[in-house]
Amino acid sequence: MKKYYISILLVLPLLASAQLFEGEDFEYTSEWIWGINKNTNGGLIGGLMLRHSRKKGDDIYQTFGLELSNVKHPSEARYVGLSGAGFIYGKSNYLYSIRTSYGLEKLMFRKANQQGVQISIAGAGGPTFGLVTPYYVLSSDQQYSQFNVVNHPSPQSIAGPGKLFQGLGEADFAPGFHAKGSVFFEFGTYRSNVAGVEVGVMAEAFTKEIELVPTQPNKSVFTSVFFTLFWGTRK
């Protein structure tokens, strides 16, 4: 968790020292952005996002978002099996969060045409459609099965991970709700193009406890710090 706060602290002074241009403002009425997410509950790539914004008032935009994220347990550790492929010992299920959201964005500093930095704050929330999918592994006897401690008492009893998308057809639905607050820093140099980073916090709650690692405490509420690199277009 600390490395995410350190990254944010390193970025914010650079943004604060960037020159903000107040002249030659330009207006836009709609925007589409898409991006790659990194968060404290995810892996190297935490998820993907798509968001549409429409002007609602002076410097106020309403937003509609869609996100796909793989939520991990903090105790997950990767091993290398006999096959040479990596797997996570102790993990019994994946949790995929499909989030749809509605929110508002407030422009705090508007950049000038083709120069400067635009800063806005945003809040959003909505339903989460959780998919709890069995995590399959390849046993030392070359049989695929969902991980459990009885059949896989040690990392040495596992030869490798399951097949790609194996177990997806056995997914269990877990409804929930999420809310997040964030700050957007937009660096695009052209009127119709968007590029920047979103930094924020998120809380997500499900109607039941999600078992990801059966030998560790599991929970139904997840919190995270995240940042998203995004690109897009506006008009």
Protein backbone atom coordinates (compact mmCIF):
# COMPACT_ATOMS: atom_id res chain seq x y z
CA MET A 1 0.00 0.00 0.00
CA LYS A 2 2.84 2.42 0.85
CA LYS A 3 4.29 2.43 -2.66
CA TYR A 4 1.00 3.78 -4.05
CA TYR A 5 0.99 6.70 -1.63
CA ILE A 6 4.64 7.40 -2.44
CA SER A 7 3.86 7.44 -6.17
CA ILE A 8 1.00 9.89 -5.61
CA LEU A 9 3.17 12.14 -3.42
CA LEU A 10 5.85 12.22 -6.13
CA VAL A 11 3.37 13.15 -8.85
CA LEU A 12 1.42 15.86 -7.02
CA PRO A 13 4.31 18.34 -6.59
CA LEU A 14 5.05 18.15 -10.30
CA LEU A 15 1.43 18.89 -11.06
CA ALA A 16 1.29 21.73 -8.58
CA SER A 17 4.34 23.37 -10.19
CA ALA A 18 2.93 23.07 -13.71
CA GLN A 19 1.85 26.37 -15.31
CA LEU A 20 -1.92 26.79 -15.56
CA PHE A 21 -3.14 29.05 -18.39
CA GLU A 22 -6.26 31.05 -17.68
CA GLY A 23 -6.61 32.72 -21.10
CA GLU A 24 -7.96 31.32 -24.33
CA ASP A 25 -10.30 28.86 -22.60
CA PHE A 26 -12.19 26.44 -24.79
CA GLU A 27 -15.46 24.68 -24.11
CA TYR A 28 -16.48 21.10 -24.81
CA THR A 29 -19.85 19.43 -24.38
CA SER A 30 -19.00 15.71 -24.43
CA GLU A 31 -16.04 13.44 -23.86
CA TRP A 32 -15.10 9.77 -24.19
CA ILE A 33 -12.11 8.36 -22.32
CA TRP A 34 -10.72 4.86 -21.81
CA GLY A 35 -7.83 3.73 -19.66
CA ILE A 36 -5.75 1.16 -17.78
CA ASN A 37 -6.08 0.97 -14.01
CA LYS A 38 -3.58 0.13 -11.28
CA ASN A 39 -4.85 -0.34 -7.72
CA THR A 40 -3.95 -1.80 -4.35
CA ASN A 41 -6.33 -4.77 -4.85
CA GLY A 42 -5.08 -5.68 -8.32
CA GLY A 43 -2.03 -7.06 -10.08
CA LEU A 44 0.26 -5.41 -12.63
CA ILE A 45 -2.83 -4.24 -14.49
CA GLY A 46 -5.75 -3.79 -12.13
CA GLY A 47 -8.48 -3.28 -14.72
CA LEU A 48 -9.90 -1.37 -17.66
CA MET A 49 -12.26 1.59 -17.75
CA LEU A 50 -14.53 3.43 -20.19
CA ARG A 51 -16.28 6.71 -19.35
CA HIS A 52 -18.57 9.13 -21.15
CA SER A 53 -19.09 12.71 -19.93
CA ARG A 54 -21.74 15.26 -20.92
CA LYS A 55 -21.93 18.90 -19.96
CA LYS A 56 -24.55 19.60 -17.30
CA GLY A 57 -23.78 23.19 -16.31
CA ASP A 58 -20.95 25.68 -15.95
CA ASP A 59 -17.83 23.54 -15.43
CA ILE A 60 -20.05 20.61 -14.33
CA TYR A 61 -20.25 17.33 -16.25
CA GLN A 62 -22.32 14.23 -15.62
CA THR A 63 -20.44 10.97 -16.16
CA PHE A 64 -21.39 7.41 -17.10
CA GLY A 65 -18.75 4.76 -16.50
CA LEU A 66 -17.99 1.09 -17.08
CA GLU A 67 -15.08 -0.75 -15.43
CA LEU A 68 -13.74 -4.29 -15.39
CA SER A 69 -11.38 -5.21 -12.57
CA ASN A 70 -9.77 -8.33 -11.11
CA VAL A 71 -9.90 -8.07 -7.30
CA LYS A 72 -7.18 -9.96 -5.45
CA HIS A 73 -6.65 -11.05 -1.85
CA PRO A 74 -3.71 -9.29 -0.12
CA SER A 75 -2.14 -12.63 0.90
CA GLU A 76 -1.85 -13.99 -2.64
CA ALA A 77 1.67 -15.17 -3.50
CA ARG A 78 2.89 -16.53 -6.82
CA TYR A 79 4.89 -19.76 -7.17
CA VAL A 80 6.45 -21.52 -10.13
CA GLY A 81 5.13 -25.03 -10.74
CA LEU A 82 6.77 -28.14 -12.14
CA SER A 83 5.61 -27.11 -15.61
CA GLY A 84 7.53 -23.85 -15.32
CA ALA A 85 4.34 -21.75 -15.28
CA GLY A 86 3.36 -19.52 -12.38
CA PHE A 87 0.34 -20.11 -10.12
CA ILE A 88 -1.07 -18.68 -6.87
CA TYR A 89 -1.01 -21.15 -4.01
CA GLY A 90 -4.01 -20.99 -1.66
CA LYS A 91 -6.33 -19.17 -4.06
CA SER A 92 -9.68 -20.87 -4.64
CA ASN A 93 -11.61 -18.20 -6.58
CA TYR A 94 -11.21 -15.19 -8.82
CA LEU A 95 -13.33 -12.10 -8.22
CA TYR A 96 -14.11 -10.08 -11.34
CA SER A 97 -15.90 -6.80 -10.69
CA ILE A 98 -17.97 -5.29 -13.48
CA ARG A 99 -18.88 -1.77 -12.36
CA THR A 100 -21.40 0.60 -13.89
CA SER A 101 -21.49 4.09 -12.45
CA TYR A 102 -23.01 7.53 -12.61
CA GLY A 103 -21.28 10.60 -11.25
CA LEU A 104 -20.41 14.27 -11.48
CA GLU A 105 -17.17 16.00 -12.42
CA LYS A 106 -16.27 19.59 -11.48
CA LEU A 107 -13.58 21.46 -13.42
CA MET A 108 -11.29 23.29 -11.01
CA PHE A 109 -8.69 24.60 -13.47
CA ARG A 110 -9.41 24.74 -17.19
CA LYS A 111 -6.45 24.56 -19.53
CA ALA A 112 -5.96 26.89 -22.48
CA ASN A 113 -6.09 25.67 -26.06
CA GLN A 114 -3.13 23.33 -26.76
CA GLN A 115 -1.29 24.10 -23.52
CA GLY A 116 -1.39 23.79 -19.74
CA VAL A 117 -2.88 21.31 -17.29
CA GLN A 118 -6.57 20.78 -16.60
CA ILE A 119 -7.57 19.65 -13.10
CA SER A 120 -10.98 18.40 -12.02
CA ILE A 121 -12.51 16.51 -9.11
CA ALA A 122 -15.08 13.76 -9.53
CA GLY A 123 -17.30 11.43 -7.58
CA ALA A 124 -19.16 8.39 -8.91
CA GLY A 125 -20.92 5.26 -7.77
CA GLY A 126 -23.28 2.53 -8.83
CA PRO A 127 -23.97 -1.20 -8.89
CA THR A 128 -21.25 -3.81 -9.09
CA PHE A 129 -21.80 -7.15 -10.83
CA GLY A 130 -19.32 -9.51 -9.20
CA LEU A 131 -18.36 -12.81 -10.84
CA VAL A 132 -16.80 -15.34 -8.44
CA THR A 133 -15.02 -17.86 -10.66
CA PRO A 134 -13.26 -21.06 -9.52
CA TYR A 135 -9.46 -20.92 -9.64
CA TYR A 136 -8.19 -24.09 -11.29
CA VAL A 137 -4.73 -25.59 -10.92
CA LEU A 138 -2.93 -28.52 -12.54
CA SER A 139 -2.05 -31.17 -9.96
CA SER A 140 1.17 -33.16 -10.02
CA ASP A 141 -0.85 -36.10 -11.39
CA GLN A 142 -1.81 -33.91 -14.41
CA GLN A 143 -5.43 -33.43 -13.36
CA TYR A 144 -7.19 -30.04 -13.41
CA SER A 145 -9.30 -29.11 -10.40
CA GLN A 146 -10.29 -26.14 -8.29
CA PHE A 147 -7.75 -25.47 -5.58
CA ASN A 148 -8.45 -26.82 -2.10
CA VAL A 149 -6.09 -27.56 0.77
CA VAL A 150 -7.01 -31.26 1.00
CA ASN A 151 -6.04 -32.09 -2.58
CA HIS A 152 -3.21 -29.56 -2.73
CA PRO A 153 -1.51 -29.58 0.71
CA SER A 154 1.63 -27.75 -0.47
CA PRO A 155 2.93 -25.75 -3.47
CA GLN A 156 4.93 -28.83 -4.50
CA SER A 157 1.67 -30.72 -5.13
CA ILE A 158 0.79 -28.31 -7.97
CA ALA A 159 2.36 -28.52 -11.42
CA GLY A 160 0.95 -25.26 -12.76
CA PRO A 161 -2.11 -23.08 -13.31
CA GLY A 162 -5.36 -24.05 -14.99
CA LYS A 163 -6.26 -23.30 -18.57
CA LEU A 164 -7.13 -19.80 -19.71
CA PHE A 165 -10.77 -18.96 -18.81
CA GLN A 166 -11.19 -22.40 -17.20
CA GLY A 167 -14.04 -22.26 -14.69
CA LEU A 168 -15.60 -19.15 -16.18
CA GLY A 169 -18.75 -21.14 -17.01
CA GLU A 170 -19.08 -22.01 -13.30
CA ALA A 171 -19.08 -18.39 -12.12
CA ASP A 172 -21.29 -17.40 -9.20
CA PHE A 173 -22.98 -13.98 -9.23
CA ALA A 174 -22.30 -11.59 -6.34
CA PRO A 175 -24.20 -8.27 -6.46
CA GLY A 176 -22.74 -5.21 -4.81
CA PHE A 177 -22.27 -1.45 -4.87
CA HIS A 178 -19.24 0.81 -5.23
CA ALA A 179 -18.37 4.49 -4.75
CA LYS A 180 -15.21 6.44 -5.52
CA GLY A 181 -13.74 9.92 -5.38
CA SER A 182 -10.87 11.04 -7.58
CA VAL A 183 -8.85 13.88 -9.09
CA PHE A 184 -8.23 14.11 -12.84
CA PHE A 185 -5.06 15.67 -14.29
CA GLU A 186 -5.36 16.13 -18.05
CA PHE A 187 -2.23 16.90 -20.11
CA GLY A 188 -3.50 16.67 -23.71
CA THR A 189 -2.03 19.33 -26.02
CA TYR A 190 -4.80 19.31 -28.62
CA ARG A 191 -8.35 20.56 -28.44
CA SER A 192 -10.04 17.26 -29.40
CA ASN A 193 -7.66 14.77 -27.73
CA VAL A 194 -7.47 13.80 -24.06
CA ALA A 195 -4.60 12.21 -22.11
CA GLY A 196 -3.90 12.18 -18.41
CA VAL A 197 -4.10 10.40 -15.09
CA GLU A 198 -6.85 9.86 -12.51
CA VAL A 199 -5.90 9.36 -8.84
CA GLY A 200 -8.42 8.37 -6.19
CA VAL A 201 -9.90 6.01 -3.62
CA MET A 202 -12.68 3.44 -3.94
CA ALA A 203 -14.91 1.41 -1.63
CA GLU A 204 -16.84 -1.62 -2.85
CA ALA A 205 -19.30 -3.76 -0.89
CA PHE A 206 -20.94 -7.07 -1.81
CA THR A 207 -24.00 -8.72 -0.33
CA LYS A 208 -21.95 -11.70 0.85
CA GLU A 209 -18.43 -12.59 1.87
CA ILE A 210 -16.23 -13.42 -1.11
CA GLU A 211 -14.00 -16.44 -0.52
CA LEU A 212 -10.76 -15.84 -2.41
CA VAL A 213 -8.27 -17.63 -0.13
CA PRO A 214 -10.04 -20.13 2.15
CA THR A 215 -7.18 -20.37 4.67
CA GLN A 216 -7.17 -16.59 5.27
CA PRO A 217 -9.81 -14.12 6.51
CA ASN A 218 -12.09 -13.07 3.67
CA LYS A 219 -14.45 -10.12 3.47
CA SER A 220 -17.38 -8.54 1.67
CA VAL A 221 -16.09 -4.94 1.65
CA PHE A 222 -12.99 -3.90 -0.29
CA THR A 223 -11.21 -0.54 -0.24
CA SER A 224 -8.40 0.58 -2.52
CA VAL A 225 -6.23 3.43 -3.72
CA PHE A 226 -5.95 3.61 -7.50
CA PHE A 227 -4.60 5.54 -10.43
CA THR A 228 -5.65 5.27 -14.06
CA LEU A 229 -3.80 6.30 -17.21
CA PHE A 230 -6.42 7.43 -19.73
CA TRP A 231 -6.79 8.65 -23.29
CA GLY A 232 -9.79 9.86 -25.24
CA THR A 233 -11.55 12.42 -27.38
CA ARG A 234 -13.88 15.36 -26.78
CA LYS A 235 -15.97 17.79 -28.77
